[in-house]
Amino acid sequence: MSDDKKKKLKLKVSAIKEGTVIDHIPAQNLFKVISILGLDKIEHQITFGTNLESERLGSKAIIKVTDKFFEDDEINKIALIAPHAKLNIIRDYEVVEKKVVEIPKEIIGIVKCFNPKCITNNETITTRFKVVDSSPIALRCSYCEKHTVGEQIKMV
């Protein structure tokens, strides 16, 4: 089949009238993003697609949330697992604002400390990290001072 025919046959995800579109999420991280943002607990309509073609990522995911607009600190949490994600703010079916996620200076309550002896892994204490590097992402635990880097980062 020719590339022109393939382009004509592609299905499109329907547009939303009001809300937020999160694009350029690595496909394997889609459900982590849903969890971090608490989208599994909200009443708004959510549409998501995964393993979509992407020239930049190879394969990507996208999330559309109707009638939901995130605060910057909420959305920047996803920078830990989707550092190239883009946000489109939609009003009356039009993109009115585009945002790029940024890694926050402090990460609270969403990442597990890599140190098994850390108090946060042994008692009911909310984790707290300072971001000490962004490529790869390196976090320093505010309790035990140990660093959690790159692939060691696990969500609580």
Protein backbone atom coordinates (compact mmCIF):
# COMPACT_ATOMS: atom_id res chain seq x y z
CA MET A 1 0.00 0.00 0.00
CA SER A 2 1.35 3.45 -0.85
CA ASP A 3 2.17 6.02 1.85
CA ASP A 4 -0.58 8.30 0.48
CA LYS A 5 -3.19 5.57 0.97
CA LYS A 6 -1.88 4.86 4.49
CA LYS A 7 -2.22 8.54 5.41
CA LYS A 8 -5.81 8.61 4.15
CA LEU A 9 -6.70 5.49 6.15
CA LYS A 10 -5.37 6.75 9.50
CA LEU A 11 -7.97 7.10 12.22
CA LYS A 12 -8.05 10.31 14.18
CA VAL A 13 -8.97 10.76 17.82
CA SER A 14 -11.97 13.06 18.08
CA ALA A 15 -11.43 16.68 19.06
CA ILE A 16 -12.47 18.02 22.46
CA LYS A 17 -14.31 21.29 22.95
CA GLU A 18 -12.70 22.33 26.27
CA GLY A 19 -9.85 20.72 28.17
CA THR A 20 -6.26 19.60 28.01
CA VAL A 21 -4.37 17.38 25.58
CA ILE A 22 -1.10 15.83 26.78
CA ASP A 23 0.96 14.73 23.79
CA HIS A 24 4.38 13.16 23.19
CA ILE A 25 4.21 10.75 26.13
CA PRO A 26 6.46 7.69 25.69
CA ALA A 27 4.00 4.87 24.98
CA GLN A 28 5.34 2.66 27.79
CA ASN A 29 4.70 5.46 30.32
CA LEU A 30 1.05 6.21 29.52
CA PHE A 31 -0.43 4.54 32.60
CA LYS A 32 2.23 6.06 34.89
CA VAL A 33 1.15 9.52 33.68
CA ILE A 34 -2.51 8.64 34.27
CA SER A 35 -1.62 7.55 37.80
CA ILE A 36 0.61 10.54 38.65
CA LEU A 37 -2.10 12.98 37.57
CA GLY A 38 -4.84 11.01 39.36
CA LEU A 39 -6.80 10.67 36.11
CA ASP A 40 -8.00 7.24 37.22
CA LYS A 41 -10.03 8.98 39.97
CA ILE A 42 -11.68 11.90 38.17
CA GLU A 43 -15.18 12.25 36.71
CA HIS A 44 -14.18 14.02 33.47
CA GLN A 45 -14.19 12.25 30.12
CA ILE A 46 -10.73 10.92 29.27
CA THR A 47 -9.59 9.65 25.90
CA PHE A 48 -6.17 8.12 25.47
CA GLY A 49 -4.28 6.37 22.75
CA THR A 50 -1.03 4.49 22.90
CA ASN A 51 1.49 3.07 20.46
CA LEU A 52 0.70 5.87 18.01
CA GLU A 53 3.29 6.69 15.35
CA SER A 54 5.71 9.45 16.25
CA GLU A 55 8.65 10.64 14.18
CA ARG A 56 10.47 11.85 17.30
CA LEU A 57 9.64 9.05 19.78
CA GLY A 58 8.96 6.19 17.38
CA SER A 59 5.89 5.31 19.40
CA LYS A 60 3.93 7.70 21.61
CA ALA A 61 0.83 8.06 23.73
CA ILE A 62 -1.66 10.90 24.01
CA ILE A 63 -4.23 11.81 26.68
CA LYS A 64 -7.24 14.10 26.19
CA VAL A 65 -9.11 15.26 29.29
CA THR A 66 -12.39 17.11 28.78
CA ASP A 67 -13.14 20.13 31.00
CA LYS A 68 -9.92 19.74 33.01
CA PHE A 69 -7.12 22.29 33.17
CA PHE A 70 -4.04 21.36 35.18
CA GLU A 71 -1.93 23.61 37.38
CA ASP A 72 1.73 23.86 36.32
CA ASP A 73 2.94 21.99 39.42
CA GLU A 74 0.57 19.09 38.64
CA ILE A 75 1.66 18.74 35.07
CA ASN A 76 5.36 19.16 35.76
CA LYS A 77 5.26 15.92 37.77
CA ILE A 78 5.07 14.02 34.51
CA ALA A 79 8.47 15.42 33.48
CA LEU A 80 9.97 12.62 35.57
CA ILE A 81 8.66 9.98 33.16
CA ALA A 82 7.71 11.98 30.06
CA PRO A 83 10.29 14.80 29.82
CA HIS A 84 9.29 15.75 26.25
CA ALA A 85 5.54 15.88 26.86
CA LYS A 86 3.62 18.83 25.46
CA LEU A 87 0.36 20.28 26.70
CA ASN A 88 -2.29 21.86 24.54
CA ILE A 89 -4.97 23.88 26.29
CA ILE A 90 -8.20 23.67 24.27
CA ARG A 91 -11.04 26.20 24.32
CA ASP A 92 -13.95 25.97 21.85
CA TYR A 93 -12.08 23.27 19.85
CA GLU A 94 -9.04 25.53 19.34
CA VAL A 95 -5.56 25.31 20.87
CA VAL A 96 -5.26 28.55 22.85
CA GLU A 97 -2.04 27.75 24.71
CA LYS A 98 0.86 25.33 24.42
CA LYS A 99 3.02 24.34 27.37
CA VAL A 100 6.15 22.25 27.77
CA VAL A 101 6.63 20.25 30.95
CA GLU A 102 9.52 21.21 33.21
CA ILE A 103 11.15 19.18 35.91
CA PRO A 104 10.15 20.71 39.27
CA LYS A 105 12.81 21.62 41.87
CA GLU A 106 11.20 19.39 44.48
CA ILE A 107 9.31 16.09 44.17
CA ILE A 108 6.89 15.29 47.00
CA GLY A 109 4.97 12.07 47.51
CA ILE A 110 5.21 10.50 44.05
CA VAL A 111 8.64 8.81 43.95
CA LYS A 112 9.98 6.02 46.16
CA CYS A 113 13.44 6.36 47.73
CA PHE A 114 15.95 3.91 46.26
CA ASN A 115 17.52 3.31 49.68
CA PRO A 116 15.72 0.34 51.32
CA LYS A 117 16.83 1.58 54.77
CA CYS A 118 15.33 5.05 54.27
CA ILE A 119 12.69 5.95 56.86
CA THR A 120 10.20 6.60 54.02
CA ASN A 121 10.41 2.91 53.08
CA ASN A 122 9.86 1.73 56.64
CA GLU A 123 7.35 4.15 58.13
CA THR A 124 4.34 6.09 56.87
CA ILE A 125 6.17 9.26 55.81
CA THR A 126 5.63 11.19 52.59
CA THR A 127 8.71 11.09 50.38
CA ARG A 128 10.47 14.34 49.53
CA PHE A 129 13.29 14.84 47.03
CA LYS A 130 15.35 17.70 45.65
CA VAL A 131 16.14 17.49 41.94
CA VAL A 132 19.93 17.65 41.64
CA ASP A 133 20.29 16.93 37.90
CA SER A 134 17.98 16.75 34.91
CA SER A 135 19.83 14.56 32.41
CA PRO A 136 19.51 11.88 33.53
CA ILE A 137 17.11 12.90 36.27
CA ALA A 138 18.78 12.61 39.68
CA LEU A 139 16.91 13.10 42.95
CA ARG A 140 18.34 13.48 46.48
CA CYS A 141 16.18 12.20 49.33
CA SER A 142 15.51 14.88 51.93
CA TYR A 143 15.57 12.24 54.70
CA CYS A 144 18.51 9.92 54.00
CA GLU A 145 20.43 12.06 51.44
CA LYS A 146 20.79 9.09 49.03
CA HIS A 147 20.49 9.73 45.31
CA THR A 148 17.91 8.05 43.10
CA VAL A 149 18.86 8.31 39.43
CA GLY A 150 17.26 7.53 36.05
CA GLU A 151 15.95 3.96 35.91
CA GLN A 152 16.04 3.69 39.72
CA ILE A 153 13.13 6.15 39.92
CA LYS A 154 9.97 4.26 40.83
CA MET A 155 6.58 5.76 41.57
CA VAL A 156 5.10 5.32 45.05
